[in-house]
């Protein structure tokens, strides 16, 4: 069974309406191959496809929104925000390791390693194509 990583968003988050991509890569650090990026999809389609692919294979799927930034400043702002989050997470991990309360039994998606989750059935090719039309119309 693989791992699925995505953002937990509130129901009213505007990011839910963005186009989403799925990046599939090796779960095992010893395995080396170029990740496969698929999409854009609507979020529910991206999640269902990712769940279906990683359900029976030792793969990691990262489901994330495409951020349609149109200026260099917007892109730099997004990079700066990502760096701040990474620094905060590193500091929290260092604090947790220092006090010995870091839980290694939780996977990257925040779920118990032993939980079995049935994947959402993947959408049909027709549903995916219709979703892609909706996504591309929002990008214009």
N, C-alpha and C. Protein backbone atom coordinates (compact mmCIF):
# COMPACT_ATOMS: atom_id res chain seq x y z
N UNK A 1 0.84 -1.17 0.00
CA UNK A 1 0.00 0.00 0.00
C UNK A 1 0.89 1.23 0.00
N UNK A 2 0.54 2.21 -0.81
CA UNK A 2 1.31 3.43 -0.94
C UNK A 2 0.85 4.51 0.00
N UNK A 3 1.31 5.72 -0.26
CA UNK A 3 0.98 6.88 0.57
C UNK A 3 0.42 7.99 -0.30
N UNK A 4 -0.54 8.69 0.24
CA UNK A 4 -1.17 9.82 -0.44
C UNK A 4 -0.95 11.05 0.42
N UNK A 5 -0.40 12.10 -0.19
CA UNK A 5 -0.15 13.35 0.51
C UNK A 5 -0.94 14.44 -0.20
N UNK A 6 -1.71 15.20 0.57
CA UNK A 6 -2.45 16.32 0.00
C UNK A 6 -2.71 17.35 1.08
N UNK A 7 -3.25 18.48 0.69
CA UNK A 7 -3.61 19.53 1.63
C UNK A 7 -4.97 19.22 2.24
N UNK A 8 -5.09 19.45 3.52
CA UNK A 8 -6.40 19.39 4.17
C UNK A 8 -6.98 20.80 4.09
N UNK A 9 -8.08 20.94 3.39
CA UNK A 9 -8.65 22.26 3.15
C UNK A 9 -10.04 22.37 3.76
N UNK A 10 -10.39 23.55 4.26
CA UNK A 10 -11.78 23.75 4.69
C UNK A 10 -12.70 23.68 3.47
N UNK A 11 -13.95 23.34 3.72
CA UNK A 11 -14.91 23.18 2.62
C UNK A 11 -15.07 24.43 1.77
N UNK A 12 -14.85 25.60 2.37
CA UNK A 12 -15.05 26.85 1.62
C UNK A 12 -13.75 27.42 1.05
N UNK A 13 -12.67 26.64 1.05
CA UNK A 13 -11.39 27.13 0.54
C UNK A 13 -11.45 27.38 -0.96
N UNK A 14 -10.99 28.54 -1.41
CA UNK A 14 -10.97 28.81 -2.85
C UNK A 14 -9.99 27.90 -3.61
N UNK A 15 -9.04 27.29 -2.90
CA UNK A 15 -8.08 26.38 -3.55
C UNK A 15 -8.77 25.13 -4.09
N UNK A 16 -9.92 24.79 -3.56
CA UNK A 16 -10.66 23.61 -4.05
C UNK A 16 -11.05 23.77 -5.52
N UNK A 17 -11.23 25.01 -5.96
CA UNK A 17 -11.66 25.25 -7.34
C UNK A 17 -10.50 25.37 -8.32
N UNK A 18 -9.27 25.35 -7.82
CA UNK A 18 -8.12 25.41 -8.71
C UNK A 18 -7.94 24.07 -9.43
N UNK A 19 -7.20 24.07 -10.52
CA UNK A 19 -6.83 22.79 -11.13
C UNK A 19 -5.82 22.09 -10.22
N UNK A 20 -5.87 20.75 -10.19
CA UNK A 20 -4.99 19.96 -9.32
C UNK A 20 -4.17 18.99 -10.16
N UNK A 21 -2.95 18.73 -9.70
CA UNK A 21 -2.09 17.74 -10.34
C UNK A 21 -1.77 16.64 -9.35
N UNK A 22 -1.35 15.50 -9.90
CA UNK A 22 -0.91 14.38 -9.07
C UNK A 22 0.50 14.02 -9.52
N UNK A 23 1.41 13.95 -8.57
CA UNK A 23 2.78 13.53 -8.85
C UNK A 23 2.99 12.18 -8.18
N UNK A 24 3.27 11.16 -9.00
CA UNK A 24 3.54 9.82 -8.50
C UNK A 24 5.04 9.59 -8.49
N UNK A 25 5.54 9.06 -7.40
CA UNK A 25 6.96 8.77 -7.30
C UNK A 25 7.19 7.57 -6.41
N UNK A 26 8.45 7.18 -6.28
CA UNK A 26 8.77 6.01 -5.45
C UNK A 26 8.55 6.30 -3.97
N UNK A 27 8.04 5.32 -3.27
CA UNK A 27 7.86 5.42 -1.83
C UNK A 27 9.15 5.00 -1.12
N UNK A 28 9.84 4.07 -1.71
CA UNK A 28 11.09 3.55 -1.16
C UNK A 28 12.25 4.44 -1.60
N UNK A 29 13.03 4.91 -0.66
CA UNK A 29 14.15 5.81 -0.98
C UNK A 29 15.21 5.13 -1.84
N UNK A 30 15.26 3.81 -1.82
CA UNK A 30 16.25 3.10 -2.62
C UNK A 30 15.86 2.99 -4.09
N UNK A 31 14.59 3.19 -4.37
CA UNK A 31 14.10 3.12 -5.74
C UNK A 31 14.29 4.48 -6.39
N UNK A 32 14.87 4.50 -7.57
CA UNK A 32 15.13 5.78 -8.24
C UNK A 32 14.53 5.78 -9.63
N UNK A 33 13.58 6.68 -9.86
CA UNK A 33 13.02 6.92 -11.18
C UNK A 33 12.35 8.29 -11.15
N UNK A 34 12.22 8.86 -12.32
CA UNK A 34 11.64 10.20 -12.42
C UNK A 34 10.15 10.16 -12.07
N UNK A 35 9.70 11.06 -11.22
CA UNK A 35 8.28 11.11 -10.88
C UNK A 35 7.43 11.36 -12.12
N UNK A 36 6.20 10.89 -12.07
CA UNK A 36 5.24 11.07 -13.16
C UNK A 36 4.20 12.08 -12.70
N UNK A 37 4.05 13.16 -13.45
CA UNK A 37 3.10 14.22 -13.11
C UNK A 37 1.91 14.12 -14.05
N UNK A 38 0.71 14.08 -13.47
CA UNK A 38 -0.52 13.94 -14.25
C UNK A 38 -1.48 15.08 -13.91
N UNK A 39 -2.26 15.48 -14.90
CA UNK A 39 -3.26 16.51 -14.67
C UNK A 39 -3.14 17.59 -15.71
N UNK A 40 -3.90 18.61 -15.59
CA UNK A 40 -4.68 19.04 -14.44
C UNK A 40 -6.04 18.35 -14.36
N UNK A 41 -6.50 18.23 -13.12
CA UNK A 41 -7.80 17.62 -12.83
C UNK A 41 -8.56 18.51 -11.87
N UNK A 42 -9.83 18.23 -11.73
CA UNK A 42 -10.58 18.78 -10.62
C UNK A 42 -10.15 18.00 -9.38
N UNK A 43 -10.21 18.62 -8.22
CA UNK A 43 -9.69 18.01 -6.99
C UNK A 43 -10.26 16.62 -6.71
N UNK A 44 -11.57 16.43 -6.78
CA UNK A 44 -12.09 15.08 -6.48
C UNK A 44 -11.55 14.01 -7.45
N UNK A 45 -11.38 14.39 -8.72
CA UNK A 45 -10.84 13.43 -9.69
C UNK A 45 -9.38 13.12 -9.38
N UNK A 46 -8.61 14.15 -9.03
CA UNK A 46 -7.19 13.94 -8.71
C UNK A 46 -7.06 13.01 -7.50
N UNK A 47 -7.86 13.25 -6.47
CA UNK A 47 -7.80 12.41 -5.28
C UNK A 47 -8.19 10.97 -5.57
N UNK A 48 -9.27 10.79 -6.33
CA UNK A 48 -9.73 9.43 -6.64
C UNK A 48 -8.71 8.67 -7.47
N UNK A 49 -8.12 9.33 -8.46
CA UNK A 49 -7.10 8.67 -9.27
C UNK A 49 -5.89 8.30 -8.42
N UNK A 50 -5.43 9.22 -7.59
CA UNK A 50 -4.27 8.96 -6.75
C UNK A 50 -4.54 7.81 -5.79
N UNK A 51 -5.71 7.81 -5.15
CA UNK A 51 -6.06 6.73 -4.23
C UNK A 51 -6.06 5.38 -4.94
N UNK A 52 -6.61 5.35 -6.12
CA UNK A 52 -6.71 4.09 -6.87
C UNK A 52 -5.33 3.56 -7.25
N UNK A 53 -4.43 4.45 -7.64
CA UNK A 53 -3.10 4.02 -8.08
C UNK A 53 -2.26 3.53 -6.90
N UNK A 54 -2.29 4.24 -5.76
CA UNK A 54 -1.44 3.86 -4.64
C UNK A 54 -2.04 2.77 -3.76
N UNK A 55 -3.29 2.41 -4.01
CA UNK A 55 -3.95 1.41 -3.16
C UNK A 55 -3.22 0.08 -3.15
N UNK A 56 -2.68 -0.33 -4.29
CA UNK A 56 -2.06 -1.65 -4.40
C UNK A 56 -0.57 -1.60 -4.70
N UNK A 57 0.02 -0.42 -4.71
CA UNK A 57 1.43 -0.31 -5.06
C UNK A 57 2.16 0.54 -4.04
N UNK A 58 3.43 0.26 -3.84
CA UNK A 58 4.27 1.04 -2.94
C UNK A 58 4.75 2.30 -3.66
N UNK A 59 3.84 3.24 -3.82
CA UNK A 59 4.11 4.51 -4.48
C UNK A 59 3.68 5.64 -3.56
N UNK A 60 4.22 6.82 -3.81
CA UNK A 60 3.74 8.00 -3.15
C UNK A 60 3.03 8.86 -4.19
N UNK A 61 1.87 9.37 -3.83
CA UNK A 61 1.14 10.29 -4.69
C UNK A 61 0.98 11.61 -3.94
N UNK A 62 1.40 12.68 -4.57
CA UNK A 62 1.23 14.01 -4.00
C UNK A 62 0.18 14.73 -4.85
N UNK A 63 -0.93 15.09 -4.22
CA UNK A 63 -2.02 15.77 -4.91
C UNK A 63 -2.00 17.22 -4.44
N UNK A 64 -1.80 18.13 -5.41
CA UNK A 64 -1.67 19.53 -5.04
C UNK A 64 -2.27 20.43 -6.11
N UNK A 65 -2.68 21.64 -5.67
CA UNK A 65 -3.26 22.57 -6.65
C UNK A 65 -2.19 23.22 -7.50
N UNK A 66 -2.58 23.53 -8.72
CA UNK A 66 -1.73 24.36 -9.58
C UNK A 66 -2.02 25.81 -9.20
N UNK A 67 -0.98 26.57 -9.00
CA UNK A 67 -1.16 27.96 -8.62
C UNK A 67 -0.90 28.83 -9.85
N UNK A 68 -1.96 29.36 -10.44
CA UNK A 68 -1.81 30.11 -11.70
C UNK A 68 -1.30 31.54 -11.48
N UNK A 69 -0.08 31.64 -10.94
CA UNK A 69 0.51 32.96 -10.75
C UNK A 69 0.97 33.52 -12.09
N UNK A 70 0.78 34.81 -12.25
CA UNK A 70 1.10 35.42 -13.53
C UNK A 70 2.22 36.46 -13.44
N UNK A 71 2.77 36.67 -12.24
CA UNK A 71 3.88 37.60 -12.11
C UNK A 71 5.03 36.94 -11.35
N UNK A 72 6.22 37.45 -11.56
CA UNK A 72 7.40 36.96 -10.85
C UNK A 72 7.23 37.20 -9.35
N UNK A 73 6.65 38.34 -8.97
CA UNK A 73 6.46 38.66 -7.56
C UNK A 73 5.54 37.65 -6.89
N UNK A 74 4.47 37.25 -7.55
CA UNK A 74 3.58 36.25 -6.98
C UNK A 74 4.30 34.92 -6.75
N UNK A 75 5.09 34.53 -7.72
CA UNK A 75 5.84 33.27 -7.62
C UNK A 75 6.86 33.36 -6.48
N UNK A 76 7.58 34.48 -6.40
CA UNK A 76 8.55 34.66 -5.32
C UNK A 76 7.86 34.66 -3.95
N UNK A 77 6.70 35.26 -3.88
CA UNK A 77 5.93 35.26 -2.62
C UNK A 77 5.55 33.85 -2.20
N UNK A 78 5.15 33.04 -3.16
CA UNK A 78 4.79 31.64 -2.88
C UNK A 78 6.01 30.84 -2.42
N UNK A 79 7.15 31.09 -3.05
CA UNK A 79 8.40 30.41 -2.65
C UNK A 79 8.79 30.84 -1.23
N UNK A 80 8.69 32.11 -0.93
CA UNK A 80 9.02 32.60 0.42
C UNK A 80 8.10 31.97 1.46
N UNK A 81 6.82 31.88 1.15
CA UNK A 81 5.87 31.26 2.09
C UNK A 81 6.20 29.79 2.31
N UNK A 82 6.56 29.09 1.25
CA UNK A 82 6.92 27.67 1.37
C UNK A 82 8.18 27.50 2.22
N UNK A 83 9.13 28.39 2.05
CA UNK A 83 10.36 28.32 2.86
C UNK A 83 10.06 28.56 4.34
N UNK A 84 9.19 29.50 4.63
CA UNK A 84 8.82 29.78 6.02
C UNK A 84 8.15 28.56 6.65
N UNK A 85 7.24 27.94 5.93
CA UNK A 85 6.57 26.74 6.43
C UNK A 85 7.59 25.63 6.69
N UNK A 86 8.51 25.43 5.75
CA UNK A 86 9.53 24.38 5.91
C UNK A 86 10.40 24.67 7.13
N UNK A 87 10.80 25.91 7.33
CA UNK A 87 11.62 26.27 8.50
C UNK A 87 10.86 26.01 9.80
N UNK A 88 9.57 26.37 9.81
CA UNK A 88 8.75 26.13 11.00
C UNK A 88 8.63 24.64 11.29
N UNK A 89 8.41 23.83 10.24
CA UNK A 89 8.28 22.39 10.42
C UNK A 89 9.58 21.78 10.91
N UNK A 90 10.71 22.26 10.39
CA UNK A 90 12.02 21.76 10.84
C UNK A 90 12.25 22.11 12.30
N UNK A 91 11.87 23.31 12.69
CA UNK A 91 12.04 23.73 14.09
C UNK A 91 11.15 22.88 15.01
N UNK A 92 9.91 22.63 14.59
CA UNK A 92 9.01 21.80 15.39
C UNK A 92 9.54 20.37 15.50
N UNK A 93 10.06 19.82 14.42
CA UNK A 93 10.61 18.47 14.45
C UNK A 93 11.83 18.40 15.36
N UNK A 94 12.66 19.43 15.32
CA UNK A 94 13.84 19.46 16.18
C UNK A 94 13.42 19.54 17.65
N UNK A 95 12.41 20.36 17.95
CA UNK A 95 11.90 20.46 19.32
C UNK A 95 11.32 19.12 19.78
N UNK A 96 10.55 18.49 18.91
CA UNK A 96 9.93 17.21 19.27
C UNK A 96 10.99 16.14 19.49
N UNK A 97 12.02 16.12 18.65
CA UNK A 97 13.09 15.13 18.79
C UNK A 97 13.85 15.36 20.09
N UNK A 98 14.03 16.62 20.45
CA UNK A 98 14.76 16.95 21.68
C UNK A 98 14.01 16.44 22.91
N UNK A 99 12.69 16.49 22.87
CA UNK A 99 11.90 16.08 24.01
C UNK A 99 11.38 14.65 23.88
N UNK A 100 11.69 13.98 22.77
CA UNK A 100 11.35 12.58 22.62
C UNK A 100 9.89 12.27 22.39
N UNK A 101 9.11 13.23 21.88
CA UNK A 101 7.69 12.95 21.68
C UNK A 101 7.30 12.90 20.21
N UNK A 102 8.25 12.66 19.37
CA UNK A 102 7.97 12.55 17.94
C UNK A 102 7.40 11.17 17.65
N UNK A 103 6.28 11.09 16.94
CA UNK A 103 5.59 9.83 16.69
C UNK A 103 5.97 9.28 15.32
N UNK A 104 6.83 8.26 15.30
CA UNK A 104 7.25 7.66 14.03
C UNK A 104 6.22 6.72 13.45
N UNK A 105 5.12 6.47 14.15
CA UNK A 105 4.10 5.55 13.65
C UNK A 105 3.07 6.26 12.78
N UNK A 106 3.23 7.53 12.53
CA UNK A 106 2.29 8.28 11.71
C UNK A 106 2.94 8.52 10.36
N UNK A 107 2.21 8.23 9.27
CA UNK A 107 2.79 8.42 7.94
C UNK A 107 2.63 9.87 7.50
N UNK A 108 3.11 10.17 6.29
CA UNK A 108 3.12 11.54 5.81
C UNK A 108 1.74 12.13 5.64
N UNK A 109 0.72 11.31 5.49
CA UNK A 109 -0.63 11.83 5.34
C UNK A 109 -1.29 12.05 6.70
N UNK A 110 -0.58 11.71 7.79
CA UNK A 110 -1.13 11.91 9.11
C UNK A 110 -2.06 10.80 9.56
N UNK A 111 -2.00 9.66 8.94
CA UNK A 111 -2.87 8.55 9.30
C UNK A 111 -2.05 7.44 9.90
N UNK A 112 -2.70 6.66 10.76
CA UNK A 112 -2.06 5.50 11.36
C UNK A 112 -1.60 4.56 10.25
N UNK A 113 -0.36 4.08 10.33
CA UNK A 113 0.19 3.19 9.30
C UNK A 113 -0.64 1.94 9.10
N UNK A 114 -1.41 1.54 10.11
CA UNK A 114 -2.15 0.29 10.03
C UNK A 114 -3.58 0.46 9.54
N UNK A 115 -4.01 1.69 9.33
CA UNK A 115 -5.37 1.93 8.86
C UNK A 115 -5.49 1.51 7.40
N UNK A 116 -6.57 0.82 7.10
CA UNK A 116 -6.83 0.40 5.73
C UNK A 116 -7.96 1.28 5.20
N UNK A 117 -7.67 1.98 4.13
CA UNK A 117 -8.65 2.89 3.54
C UNK A 117 -8.97 2.38 2.14
N UNK A 118 -10.23 2.19 1.88
CA UNK A 118 -10.65 1.79 0.54
C UNK A 118 -10.56 2.99 -0.39
N UNK A 119 -9.93 2.83 -1.54
CA UNK A 119 -9.83 3.96 -2.45
C UNK A 119 -11.18 4.33 -3.04
N UNK A 120 -11.34 5.61 -3.31
CA UNK A 120 -12.52 6.08 -4.01
C UNK A 120 -12.45 5.53 -5.43
N UNK A 121 -13.56 5.04 -5.97
CA UNK A 121 -13.50 4.55 -7.35
C UNK A 121 -13.06 5.67 -8.29
N UNK A 122 -12.15 5.37 -9.21
CA UNK A 122 -11.68 6.43 -10.11
C UNK A 122 -12.79 6.87 -11.06
N UNK A 123 -12.74 8.14 -11.45
CA UNK A 123 -13.74 8.61 -12.42
C UNK A 123 -13.49 7.96 -13.78
N UNK A 124 -14.53 7.94 -14.57
CA UNK A 124 -14.39 7.38 -15.93
C UNK A 124 -13.59 8.35 -16.79
N UNK A 125 -13.03 7.87 -17.89
CA UNK A 125 -12.33 8.78 -18.80
C UNK A 125 -13.21 9.95 -19.27
N UNK A 126 -14.49 9.68 -19.47
CA UNK A 126 -15.40 10.75 -19.91
C UNK A 126 -15.55 11.81 -18.82
N UNK A 127 -15.66 11.37 -17.54
CA UNK A 127 -15.77 12.32 -16.44
C UNK A 127 -14.49 13.15 -16.32
N UNK A 128 -13.34 12.51 -16.52
CA UNK A 128 -12.07 13.23 -16.44
C UNK A 128 -11.97 14.26 -17.55
N UNK A 129 -12.33 13.87 -18.77
CA UNK A 129 -12.27 14.82 -19.89
C UNK A 129 -13.20 16.01 -19.65
N UNK A 130 -14.40 15.76 -19.14
CA UNK A 130 -15.34 16.84 -18.84
C UNK A 130 -14.76 17.75 -17.75
N UNK A 131 -14.11 17.15 -16.76
CA UNK A 131 -13.46 17.94 -15.71
C UNK A 131 -12.33 18.79 -16.27
N UNK A 132 -11.55 18.22 -17.20
CA UNK A 132 -10.45 18.98 -17.80
C UNK A 132 -10.99 20.18 -18.58
N UNK A 133 -12.11 20.01 -19.25
CA UNK A 133 -12.72 21.14 -19.96
C UNK A 133 -13.11 22.23 -18.97
N UNK A 134 -13.70 21.83 -17.83
CA UNK A 134 -14.06 22.82 -16.83
C UNK A 134 -12.82 23.52 -16.26
N UNK A 135 -11.76 22.75 -16.01
CA UNK A 135 -10.52 23.32 -15.47
C UNK A 135 -9.92 24.32 -16.46
N UNK A 136 -9.78 23.92 -17.71
CA UNK A 136 -9.15 24.82 -18.69
C UNK A 136 -9.99 26.06 -18.95
N UNK A 137 -11.30 25.95 -18.83
CA UNK A 137 -12.12 27.15 -19.02
C UNK A 137 -11.90 28.14 -17.88
N UNK A 138 -11.59 27.64 -16.67
CA UNK A 138 -11.31 28.54 -15.55
C UNK A 138 -9.94 29.19 -15.67
N UNK A 139 -9.02 28.57 -16.41
CA UNK A 139 -7.67 29.11 -16.55
C UNK A 139 -7.60 30.28 -17.52
N UNK A 140 -8.55 30.36 -18.41
CA UNK A 140 -8.51 31.40 -19.44
C UNK A 140 -8.86 32.77 -18.91
